[in-house]
Amino acid sequence: GMRAEAPVIVDGEAVIGQFPLLKEGGEEFVYQSCTKAPAQPDYPPTLAGSFKFVPGTRRQPTGPPFDVLIPSIQLVVPSVVY
């Protein structure tokens, strides 16, 4: 079988260069990303980690930053796309 590659750590500010302002009942923020990670049937690439949120705004926070954990998901092309 194939051996797992060393993890690639991505750490930085912003989501694709943007700092979305999320409000209850407001417009959702959607983006897509891609990877050059090779797809191997026996060992598909995965994504896991966290996103950091700041209550209020970056310039005027209303509370301490907090992390939202992202569970490990496999990056696979689905057999059916709706």
C-alpha atoms as a PDB file:
ATOM      1  CA  GLY A   1       0.000   0.000   0.000  1.00  0.00           C
ATOM      2  CA  MET A   2       0.927   3.645  -0.286  1.00  0.00           C
ATOM      3  CA  ARG A   3       2.472   5.443   2.636  1.00  0.00           C
ATOM      4  CA  ALA A   4       0.987   8.642   3.998  1.00  0.00           C
ATOM      5  CA  GLU A   5       2.716  11.863   3.015  1.00  0.00           C
ATOM      6  CA  ALA A   6       3.920  14.257   5.706  1.00  0.00           C
ATOM      7  CA  PRO A   7       1.116  16.676   6.665  1.00  0.00           C
ATOM      8  CA  VAL A   8       1.079  20.146   5.148  1.00  0.00           C
ATOM      9  CA  ILE A   9       0.350  22.772   7.788  1.00  0.00           C
ATOM     10  CA  VAL A  10      -1.501  25.891   6.637  1.00  0.00           C
ATOM     11  CA  ASP A  11      -1.521  28.684   9.187  1.00  0.00           C
ATOM     12  CA  GLY A  12      -2.344  32.300   8.531  1.00  0.00           C
ATOM     13  CA  GLU A  13      -4.856  35.069   8.641  1.00  0.00           C
ATOM     14  CA  ALA A  14      -7.876  35.409   6.386  1.00  0.00           C
ATOM     15  CA  VAL A  15      -9.888  33.094   4.221  1.00  0.00           C
ATOM     16  CA  ILE A  16      -8.637  33.464   0.667  1.00  0.00           C
ATOM     17  CA  GLY A  17      -7.559  37.002   1.535  1.00  0.00           C
ATOM     18  CA  GLN A  18     -10.921  37.978   3.016  1.00  0.00           C
ATOM     19  CA  PHE A  19     -12.162  38.571   6.538  1.00  0.00           C
ATOM     20  CA  PRO A  20     -15.895  37.778   6.299  1.00  0.00           C
ATOM     21  CA  LEU A  21     -18.229  39.388   8.818  1.00  0.00           C
ATOM     22  CA  LEU A  22     -20.738  36.726   9.879  1.00  0.00           C
ATOM     23  CA  LYS A  23     -23.997  37.928  11.420  1.00  0.00           C
ATOM     24  CA  GLU A  24     -26.946  35.938  12.734  1.00  0.00           C
ATOM     25  CA  GLY A  25     -29.535  35.873   9.982  1.00  0.00           C
ATOM     26  CA  GLY A  26     -27.037  37.473   7.599  1.00  0.00           C
ATOM     27  CA  GLU A  27     -25.671  36.289   4.309  1.00  0.00           C
ATOM     28  CA  GLU A  28     -23.612  33.110   4.405  1.00  0.00           C
ATOM     29  CA  PHE A  29     -19.961  33.162   3.369  1.00  0.00           C
ATOM     30  CA  VAL A  30     -19.055  30.450   0.863  1.00  0.00           C
ATOM     31  CA  TYR A  31     -15.760  29.672  -0.770  1.00  0.00           C
ATOM     32  CA  GLN A  32     -14.132  26.783  -2.532  1.00  0.00           C
ATOM     33  CA  SER A  33     -10.591  25.598  -2.274  1.00  0.00           C
ATOM     34  CA  CYS A  34      -8.473  23.074  -4.099  1.00  0.00           C
ATOM     35  CA  THR A  35      -5.361  21.066  -3.444  1.00  0.00           C
ATOM     36  CA  LYS A  36      -2.639  19.482  -5.520  1.00  0.00           C
ATOM     37  CA  ALA A  37      -2.567  16.536  -3.137  1.00  0.00           C
ATOM     38  CA  PRO A  38      -2.466  13.362  -5.204  1.00  0.00           C
ATOM     39  CA  ALA A  39      -5.581  11.230  -5.000  1.00  0.00           C
ATOM     40  CA  GLN A  40      -4.756   7.612  -4.275  1.00  0.00           C
ATOM     41  CA  PRO A  41      -7.668   5.166  -4.003  1.00  0.00           C
ATOM     42  CA  ASP A  42      -6.292   3.453  -0.899  1.00  0.00           C
ATOM     43  CA  TYR A  43      -5.173   6.673   0.799  1.00  0.00           C
ATOM     44  CA  PRO A  44      -7.189   9.805  -0.155  1.00  0.00           C
ATOM     45  CA  PRO A  45      -5.959  13.169   1.165  1.00  0.00           C
ATOM     46  CA  THR A  46      -7.729  14.572   4.233  1.00  0.00           C
ATOM     47  CA  LEU A  47      -8.378  17.959   5.776  1.00  0.00           C
ATOM     48  CA  ALA A  48      -8.581  18.665   9.512  1.00  0.00           C
ATOM     49  CA  GLY A  49      -7.857  21.552  11.822  1.00  0.00           C
ATOM     50  CA  SER A  50      -9.684  24.626  13.032  1.00  0.00           C
ATOM     51  CA  PHE A  51     -10.893  28.076  12.093  1.00  0.00           C
ATOM     52  CA  LYS A  52     -10.354  31.010  14.464  1.00  0.00           C
ATOM     53  CA  PHE A  53     -13.249  33.401  14.983  1.00  0.00           C
ATOM     54  CA  VAL A  54     -13.263  36.841  16.609  1.00  0.00           C
ATOM     55  CA  PRO A  55     -16.544  38.058  18.135  1.00  0.00           C
ATOM     56  CA  GLY A  56     -17.382  41.544  16.886  1.00  0.00           C
ATOM     57  CA  THR A  57     -14.827  42.712  14.335  1.00  0.00           C
ATOM     58  CA  ARG A  58     -11.054  42.460  14.084  1.00  0.00           C
ATOM     59  CA  ARG A  59     -10.788  46.192  14.842  1.00  0.00           C
ATOM     60  CA  GLN A  60     -13.392  46.146  17.628  1.00  0.00           C
ATOM     61  CA  PRO A  61     -13.585  42.678  19.185  1.00  0.00           C
ATOM     62  CA  THR A  62     -16.398  42.108  21.673  1.00  0.00           C
ATOM     63  CA  GLY A  63     -14.854  39.004  23.221  1.00  0.00           C
ATOM     64  CA  PRO A  64     -11.847  36.709  23.080  1.00  0.00           C
ATOM     65  CA  PRO A  65     -11.053  34.783  19.872  1.00  0.00           C
ATOM     66  CA  PHE A  66     -12.173  31.156  19.772  1.00  0.00           C
ATOM     67  CA  ASP A  67     -11.401  28.154  17.581  1.00  0.00           C
ATOM     68  CA  VAL A  68     -13.963  25.956  15.831  1.00  0.00           C
ATOM     69  CA  LEU A  69     -12.565  22.474  15.254  1.00  0.00           C
ATOM     70  CA  ILE A  70     -12.892  20.912  11.811  1.00  0.00           C
ATOM     71  CA  PRO A  71     -13.052  17.108  11.999  1.00  0.00           C
ATOM     72  CA  SER A  72     -10.996  15.100   9.529  1.00  0.00           C
ATOM     73  CA  ILE A  73     -12.713  14.828   6.157  1.00  0.00           C
ATOM     74  CA  GLN A  74     -11.550  12.990   3.060  1.00  0.00           C
ATOM     75  CA  LEU A  75     -10.923  15.086  -0.040  1.00  0.00           C
ATOM     76  CA  VAL A  76     -12.458  12.893  -2.709  1.00  0.00           C
ATOM     77  CA  VAL A  77     -14.339  13.627  -5.895  1.00  0.00           C
ATOM     78  CA  PRO A  78     -17.917  12.395  -5.433  1.00  0.00           C
ATOM     79  CA  SER A  79     -19.321   9.926  -7.936  1.00  0.00           C
ATOM     80  CA  VAL A  80     -22.446  12.104  -8.263  1.00  0.00           C
ATOM     81  CA  VAL A  81     -22.587  15.902  -8.196  1.00  0.00           C
ATOM     82  CA  TYR A  82     -25.931  17.692  -7.735  1.00  0.00           C
END
